[in-house]
Amino acid sequence: MNITEVTPVVFEGNLIGLQTVVDGKSIGVPMSRSNRFYQGILDHIIEHGAACFNGDIPTELQAAADAKLASGAYNADTV
């Protein structure tokens, strides 16, 4: 999964999703642990930090990436 751009989608001050470019296609990604693109974005944050973000990584998204890394759920060999 090649993630080249991520833009947070905020509604009434709440992060509700992410607009991202994955493998050259623009897609909307819900903030859902079960969504494979969401998991891919978390992996990308773990590996590359804010390199693909438009602006800063939202606090709750960074926290989710940190939690995934701390839990051992992240595996660099599968990314």
N, C-alpha and C. Protein backbone atom coordinates (compact mmCIF):
# COMPACT_ATOMS: atom_id res chain seq x y z
N MET A 1 0.85 -1.16 0.00
CA MET A 1 0.00 0.00 0.00
C MET A 1 0.90 1.23 0.00
N ASN A 2 0.83 2.03 -1.04
CA ASN A 2 1.65 3.23 -1.17
C ASN A 2 0.81 4.45 -0.83
N ILE A 3 1.02 5.00 0.36
CA ILE A 3 0.27 6.16 0.83
C ILE A 3 1.13 7.39 0.56
N THR A 4 0.59 8.31 -0.25
CA THR A 4 1.38 9.48 -0.62
C THR A 4 0.84 10.78 -0.07
N GLU A 5 -0.38 10.81 0.42
CA GLU A 5 -0.95 12.05 0.94
C GLU A 5 -2.08 11.71 1.90
N VAL A 6 -2.12 12.40 3.03
CA VAL A 6 -3.20 12.21 4.00
C VAL A 6 -3.64 13.57 4.50
N THR A 7 -4.94 13.82 4.44
CA THR A 7 -5.51 15.05 4.95
C THR A 7 -6.62 14.71 5.94
N PRO A 8 -6.51 15.22 7.18
CA PRO A 8 -7.57 14.97 8.16
C PRO A 8 -8.89 15.61 7.71
N VAL A 9 -10.00 14.92 7.97
CA VAL A 9 -11.33 15.45 7.70
C VAL A 9 -11.96 15.75 9.05
N VAL A 10 -12.23 17.04 9.28
CA VAL A 10 -12.75 17.49 10.56
C VAL A 10 -14.14 18.07 10.36
N PHE A 11 -15.08 17.68 11.24
CA PHE A 11 -16.44 18.19 11.20
C PHE A 11 -16.79 18.66 12.60
N GLU A 12 -17.17 19.92 12.73
CA GLU A 12 -17.53 20.51 14.02
C GLU A 12 -16.47 20.25 15.08
N GLY A 13 -15.21 20.38 14.66
CA GLY A 13 -14.09 20.23 15.58
C GLY A 13 -13.66 18.81 15.88
N ASN A 14 -14.32 17.83 15.29
CA ASN A 14 -14.00 16.42 15.54
C ASN A 14 -13.41 15.77 14.29
N LEU A 15 -12.36 15.00 14.51
CA LEU A 15 -11.76 14.23 13.42
C LEU A 15 -12.70 13.08 13.09
N ILE A 16 -13.23 13.08 11.86
CA ILE A 16 -14.20 12.04 11.48
C ILE A 16 -13.66 11.07 10.44
N GLY A 17 -12.53 11.40 9.84
CA GLY A 17 -11.96 10.51 8.83
C GLY A 17 -10.73 11.13 8.22
N LEU A 18 -10.25 10.48 7.18
CA LEU A 18 -9.04 10.93 6.50
C LEU A 18 -9.26 10.85 4.99
N GLN A 19 -8.84 11.87 4.29
CA GLN A 19 -8.83 11.84 2.84
C GLN A 19 -7.40 11.50 2.46
N THR A 20 -7.22 10.45 1.70
CA THR A 20 -5.86 9.99 1.42
C THR A 20 -5.70 9.55 -0.02
N VAL A 21 -4.46 9.52 -0.46
CA VAL A 21 -4.12 8.99 -1.78
C VAL A 21 -3.35 7.69 -1.53
N VAL A 22 -3.95 6.59 -1.97
CA VAL A 22 -3.36 5.26 -1.80
C VAL A 22 -3.20 4.65 -3.19
N ASP A 23 -1.99 4.27 -3.51
CA ASP A 23 -1.70 3.68 -4.82
C ASP A 23 -2.22 4.54 -5.96
N GLY A 24 -2.10 5.87 -5.79
CA GLY A 24 -2.50 6.80 -6.84
C GLY A 24 -3.98 7.14 -6.89
N LYS A 25 -4.79 6.57 -5.99
CA LYS A 25 -6.23 6.82 -6.00
C LYS A 25 -6.65 7.54 -4.73
N SER A 26 -7.47 8.57 -4.89
CA SER A 26 -7.97 9.32 -3.75
C SER A 26 -9.15 8.58 -3.11
N ILE A 27 -9.05 8.34 -1.80
CA ILE A 27 -10.13 7.64 -1.10
C ILE A 27 -10.37 8.29 0.26
N GLY A 28 -11.60 8.15 0.74
CA GLY A 28 -11.94 8.56 2.09
C GLY A 28 -11.78 7.36 3.01
N VAL A 29 -11.19 7.59 4.18
CA VAL A 29 -10.92 6.51 5.12
C VAL A 29 -11.59 6.84 6.45
N PRO A 30 -12.50 5.98 6.91
CA PRO A 30 -13.13 6.23 8.22
C PRO A 30 -12.16 5.95 9.36
N MET A 31 -12.43 6.53 10.49
CA MET A 31 -11.62 6.30 11.69
C MET A 31 -12.10 5.01 12.34
N SER A 32 -11.75 3.90 11.74
CA SER A 32 -12.23 2.59 12.18
C SER A 32 -11.07 1.61 12.24
N ARG A 33 -10.87 1.00 13.41
CA ARG A 33 -9.78 0.04 13.58
C ARG A 33 -9.87 -1.13 12.61
N SER A 34 -11.08 -1.46 12.19
CA SER A 34 -11.25 -2.62 11.30
C SER A 34 -11.00 -2.29 9.83
N ASN A 35 -10.76 -1.02 9.52
CA ASN A 35 -10.53 -0.62 8.14
C ASN A 35 -9.06 -0.81 7.77
N ARG A 36 -8.79 -1.55 6.71
CA ARG A 36 -7.40 -1.86 6.35
C ARG A 36 -6.62 -0.61 5.91
N PHE A 37 -7.30 0.36 5.33
CA PHE A 37 -6.61 1.59 4.95
C PHE A 37 -6.25 2.41 6.19
N TYR A 38 -7.13 2.43 7.18
CA TYR A 38 -6.83 3.10 8.46
C TYR A 38 -5.60 2.46 9.10
N GLN A 39 -5.57 1.13 9.11
CA GLN A 39 -4.41 0.43 9.67
C GLN A 39 -3.14 0.74 8.87
N GLY A 40 -3.28 0.85 7.55
CA GLY A 40 -2.15 1.21 6.70
C GLY A 40 -1.62 2.60 7.01
N ILE A 41 -2.53 3.53 7.30
CA ILE A 41 -2.13 4.88 7.66
C ILE A 41 -1.39 4.87 9.00
N LEU A 42 -1.90 4.09 9.97
CA LEU A 42 -1.20 3.97 11.25
C LEU A 42 0.21 3.42 11.03
N ASP A 43 0.33 2.40 10.20
CA ASP A 43 1.65 1.83 9.89
C ASP A 43 2.57 2.89 9.27
N HIS A 44 1.99 3.68 8.38
CA HIS A 44 2.78 4.72 7.71
C HIS A 44 3.26 5.76 8.73
N ILE A 45 2.41 6.12 9.68
CA ILE A 45 2.82 7.07 10.72
C ILE A 45 3.96 6.48 11.54
N ILE A 46 3.84 5.19 11.89
CA ILE A 46 4.90 4.53 12.67
C ILE A 46 6.22 4.56 11.91
N GLU A 47 6.17 4.29 10.62
CA GLU A 47 7.38 4.22 9.81
C GLU A 47 7.96 5.57 9.41
N HIS A 48 7.07 6.52 9.04
CA HIS A 48 7.54 7.74 8.40
C HIS A 48 7.17 9.04 9.12
N GLY A 49 6.42 8.96 10.20
CA GLY A 49 5.99 10.17 10.87
C GLY A 49 5.03 10.97 10.00
N ALA A 50 5.19 12.28 9.98
CA ALA A 50 4.26 13.16 9.28
C ALA A 50 4.63 13.43 7.82
N ALA A 51 5.51 12.61 7.26
CA ALA A 51 6.02 12.87 5.91
C ALA A 51 4.92 13.02 4.86
N CYS A 52 3.83 12.28 4.95
CA CYS A 52 2.79 12.34 3.91
C CYS A 52 1.59 13.19 4.33
N PHE A 53 1.62 13.78 5.51
CA PHE A 53 0.47 14.54 6.00
C PHE A 53 0.46 15.96 5.51
N ASN A 54 -0.74 16.45 5.26
CA ASN A 54 -0.95 17.87 4.99
C ASN A 54 -1.22 18.50 6.35
N GLY A 55 -0.19 19.09 6.93
CA GLY A 55 -0.30 19.64 8.28
C GLY A 55 0.21 18.62 9.30
N ASP A 56 -0.12 18.87 10.55
CA ASP A 56 0.32 17.99 11.63
C ASP A 56 -0.57 16.76 11.72
N ILE A 57 -0.02 15.69 12.28
CA ILE A 57 -0.81 14.49 12.55
C ILE A 57 -1.74 14.81 13.71
N PRO A 58 -3.05 14.59 13.55
CA PRO A 58 -3.97 14.84 14.66
C PRO A 58 -3.59 14.00 15.89
N THR A 59 -3.77 14.58 17.07
CA THR A 59 -3.37 13.95 18.33
C THR A 59 -3.94 12.56 18.48
N GLU A 60 -5.23 12.38 18.20
CA GLU A 60 -5.85 11.06 18.39
C GLU A 60 -5.32 10.01 17.41
N LEU A 61 -4.92 10.46 16.23
CA LEU A 61 -4.35 9.54 15.24
C LEU A 61 -2.93 9.13 15.65
N GLN A 62 -2.16 10.09 16.14
CA GLN A 62 -0.81 9.77 16.63
C GLN A 62 -0.91 8.82 17.82
N ALA A 63 -1.89 9.06 18.69
CA ALA A 63 -2.08 8.19 19.86
C ALA A 63 -2.42 6.76 19.43
N ALA A 64 -3.23 6.63 18.38
CA ALA A 64 -3.59 5.29 17.88
C ALA A 64 -2.37 4.59 17.30
N ALA A 65 -1.52 5.34 16.59
CA ALA A 65 -0.30 4.75 16.03
C ALA A 65 0.65 4.34 17.15
N ASP A 66 0.78 5.19 18.17
CA ASP A 66 1.64 4.86 19.31
C ASP A 66 1.14 3.61 20.03
N ALA A 67 -0.19 3.51 20.19
CA ALA A 67 -0.77 2.35 20.87
C ALA A 67 -0.55 1.07 20.06
N LYS A 68 -0.67 1.17 18.74
CA LYS A 68 -0.44 0.00 17.89
C LYS A 68 1.00 -0.47 18.02
N LEU A 69 1.92 0.46 18.02
CA LEU A 69 3.33 0.12 18.15
C LEU A 69 3.61 -0.51 19.53
N ALA A 70 3.08 0.09 20.58
CA ALA A 70 3.31 -0.39 21.94
C ALA A 70 2.70 -1.76 22.19
N SER A 71 1.57 -2.06 21.51
CA SER A 71 0.88 -3.33 21.72
C SER A 71 1.55 -4.50 21.02
N GLY A 72 2.46 -4.20 20.10
CA GLY A 72 3.10 -5.25 19.32
C GLY A 72 2.32 -5.63 18.08
N ALA A 73 1.23 -4.92 17.80
CA ALA A 73 0.41 -5.22 16.63
C ALA A 73 1.07 -4.79 15.32
N TYR A 74 2.04 -3.87 15.40
CA TYR A 74 2.74 -3.43 14.21
C TYR A 74 3.86 -4.41 13.87
N ASN A 75 3.92 -4.81 12.62
CA ASN A 75 4.97 -5.71 12.16
C ASN A 75 5.56 -5.12 10.88
N ALA A 76 6.77 -4.60 10.98
CA ALA A 76 7.41 -3.95 9.83
C ALA A 76 7.58 -4.90 8.65
N ASP A 77 7.64 -6.18 8.90
CA ASP A 77 7.84 -7.15 7.82
C ASP A 77 6.60 -7.33 6.95
N THR A 78 5.43 -6.94 7.44
CA THR A 78 4.20 -7.13 6.68
C THR A 78 3.76 -5.86 5.97
N VAL A 79 4.49 -4.78 6.15
CA VAL A 79 4.09 -3.50 5.55
C VAL A 79 4.68 -3.38 4.18
